[in-house]
Structures are given as C-alpha cells and as structure tokens.
Amino acid sequence: MAQKSFDDPALRACMAQYLATAVALDEAADLGAEPRDVLELAEAKAMAGMALRRRLGELGWSVSGPQHTSL
C-alpha cells in the first residue's frame, strides 16, 4: 500500500475533533461536572480517537514495534 500524504482535510478534521473533545473532557473534570457528563465526554473522546486512528490507517500510518501499556 502506497503511503498517502498526511496533509488531508479529513485527517485534520479528525485531529481537531479529538483535541476539542479532549479539552472539553479536561475542563469538565476540572470543574467537577456531573459524573454522567464526564463519562459521556470520555466516550466521545474514545470514539474520536478511534476515528483518528482509522483515518491515519487509511493514509498508510501504522504502529511500529510493540505497544506497551501500564497502569
């Protein structure tokens, strides 16, 4: 698969949506918003992250090496 340009309007839109949702979640958490509102924003952030990752994959991006997660 040939790598496509990352200068893509759909990619920029996905990035903007992810960042806007992340900011909204941070602000809600900082202000002590209702737990349900925080959960809804967290879900929206996760969905925006999945859309961003999908678009990056469509443009030829892939994760290199093992992914490590720790809590």
C-alpha atoms as a PDB file:
ATOM      1  CA  MET A   1       0.000   0.000   0.000  1.00  0.00           C
ATOM      2  CA  ALA A   2       1.452   3.341  -1.031  1.00  0.00           C
ATOM      3  CA  GLN A   3       1.674   5.907   1.721  1.00  0.00           C
ATOM      4  CA  LYS A   4      -0.560   8.906   1.176  1.00  0.00           C
ATOM      5  CA  SER A   5       0.021  12.469   2.251  1.00  0.00           C
ATOM      6  CA  PHE A   6      -0.865  13.364   5.799  1.00  0.00           C
ATOM      7  CA  ASP A   7      -1.895  16.822   4.540  1.00  0.00           C
ATOM      8  CA  ASP A   8      -5.504  15.693   4.356  1.00  0.00           C
ATOM      9  CA  PRO A   9      -8.631  17.696   5.243  1.00  0.00           C
ATOM     10  CA  ALA A  10     -10.388  14.658   6.725  1.00  0.00           C
ATOM     11  CA  LEU A  11      -7.349  13.903   8.896  1.00  0.00           C
ATOM     12  CA  ARG A  12      -7.205  17.494  10.129  1.00  0.00           C
ATOM     13  CA  ALA A  13     -10.924  17.338  10.932  1.00  0.00           C
ATOM     14  CA  CYS A  14     -10.413  14.121  12.929  1.00  0.00           C
ATOM     15  CA  MET A  15      -7.493  15.683  14.804  1.00  0.00           C
ATOM     16  CA  ALA A  16      -9.491  18.826  15.568  1.00  0.00           C
ATOM     17  CA  GLN A  17     -12.447  16.781  16.828  1.00  0.00           C
ATOM     18  CA  TYR A  18     -10.204  14.644  19.034  1.00  0.00           C
ATOM     19  CA  LEU A  19      -8.472  17.686  20.534  1.00  0.00           C
ATOM     20  CA  ALA A  20     -11.725  19.585  21.085  1.00  0.00           C
ATOM     21  CA  THR A  21     -13.234  16.586  22.845  1.00  0.00           C
ATOM     22  CA  ALA A  22     -10.114  16.096  24.976  1.00  0.00           C
ATOM     23  CA  VAL A  23     -10.201  19.753  26.051  1.00  0.00           C
ATOM     24  CA  ALA A  24     -13.912  19.532  26.877  1.00  0.00           C
ATOM     25  CA  LEU A  25     -13.294  16.406  28.962  1.00  0.00           C
ATOM     26  CA  ASP A  26     -10.413  18.036  30.850  1.00  0.00           C
ATOM     27  CA  GLU A  27     -12.477  21.140  31.559  1.00  0.00           C
ATOM     28  CA  ALA A  28     -15.472  19.114  32.726  1.00  0.00           C
ATOM     29  CA  ALA A  29     -13.298  17.047  35.040  1.00  0.00           C
ATOM     30  CA  ASP A  30     -11.547  20.144  36.420  1.00  0.00           C
ATOM     31  CA  LEU A  31     -14.850  21.891  37.088  1.00  0.00           C
ATOM     32  CA  GLY A  32     -16.376  18.895  38.866  1.00  0.00           C
ATOM     33  CA  ALA A  33     -19.066  18.232  36.286  1.00  0.00           C
ATOM     34  CA  GLU A  34     -21.709  15.590  36.839  1.00  0.00           C
ATOM     35  CA  PRO A  35     -20.219  12.089  36.567  1.00  0.00           C
ATOM     36  CA  ARG A  36     -22.577  11.183  33.716  1.00  0.00           C
ATOM     37  CA  ASP A  37     -21.393  14.200  31.712  1.00  0.00           C
ATOM     38  CA  VAL A  38     -17.754  13.259  32.276  1.00  0.00           C
ATOM     39  CA  LEU A  39     -18.468   9.672  31.185  1.00  0.00           C
ATOM     40  CA  GLU A  40     -20.205  10.872  28.026  1.00  0.00           C
ATOM     41  CA  LEU A  41     -17.260  13.112  27.181  1.00  0.00           C
ATOM     42  CA  ALA A  42     -14.839  10.256  27.843  1.00  0.00           C
ATOM     43  CA  GLU A  43     -16.821   8.067  25.458  1.00  0.00           C
ATOM     44  CA  ALA A  44     -16.847  10.839  22.849  1.00  0.00           C
ATOM     45  CA  LYS A  45     -13.068  11.191  23.210  1.00  0.00           C
ATOM     46  CA  ALA A  46     -12.603   7.450  22.732  1.00  0.00           C
ATOM     47  CA  MET A  47     -14.788   7.498  19.619  1.00  0.00           C
ATOM     48  CA  ALA A  48     -12.908  10.495  18.219  1.00  0.00           C
ATOM     49  CA  GLY A  49      -9.636   8.689  18.899  1.00  0.00           C
ATOM     50  CA  MET A  50     -10.845   5.633  17.012  1.00  0.00           C
ATOM     51  CA  ALA A  51     -11.901   7.795  14.061  1.00  0.00           C
ATOM     52  CA  LEU A  52      -8.496   9.494  14.064  1.00  0.00           C
ATOM     53  CA  ARG A  53      -6.654   6.179  14.181  1.00  0.00           C
ATOM     54  CA  ARG A  54      -8.840   4.782  11.372  1.00  0.00           C
ATOM     55  CA  ARG A  55      -8.110   7.813   9.176  1.00  0.00           C
ATOM     56  CA  LEU A  56      -4.387   7.543   9.881  1.00  0.00           C
ATOM     57  CA  GLY A  57      -4.543   3.876   8.869  1.00  0.00           C
ATOM     58  CA  GLU A  58      -6.309   4.796   5.645  1.00  0.00           C
ATOM     59  CA  LEU A  59      -3.417   7.154   4.904  1.00  0.00           C
ATOM     60  CA  GLY A  60      -0.804   4.455   5.410  1.00  0.00           C
ATOM     61  CA  TRP A  61       0.220   5.055   9.006  1.00  0.00           C
ATOM     62  CA  SER A  62       0.828   2.033  11.198  1.00  0.00           C
ATOM     63  CA  VAL A  63       2.170   1.448  14.661  1.00  0.00           C
ATOM     64  CA  SER A  64       5.739   0.197  14.565  1.00  0.00           C
ATOM     65  CA  GLY A  65       7.013  -2.102  17.253  1.00  0.00           C
ATOM     66  CA  PRO A  66       5.182  -3.476  20.258  1.00  0.00           C
ATOM     67  CA  GLN A  67       2.764  -1.321  22.161  1.00  0.00           C
ATOM     68  CA  HIS A  68       3.245  -1.268  25.902  1.00  0.00           C
ATOM     69  CA  THR A  69       0.527  -0.341  28.302  1.00  0.00           C
ATOM     70  CA  SER A  70       0.896   0.105  32.004  1.00  0.00           C
ATOM     71  CA  LEU A  71      -1.421   1.399  34.653  1.00  0.00           C
END
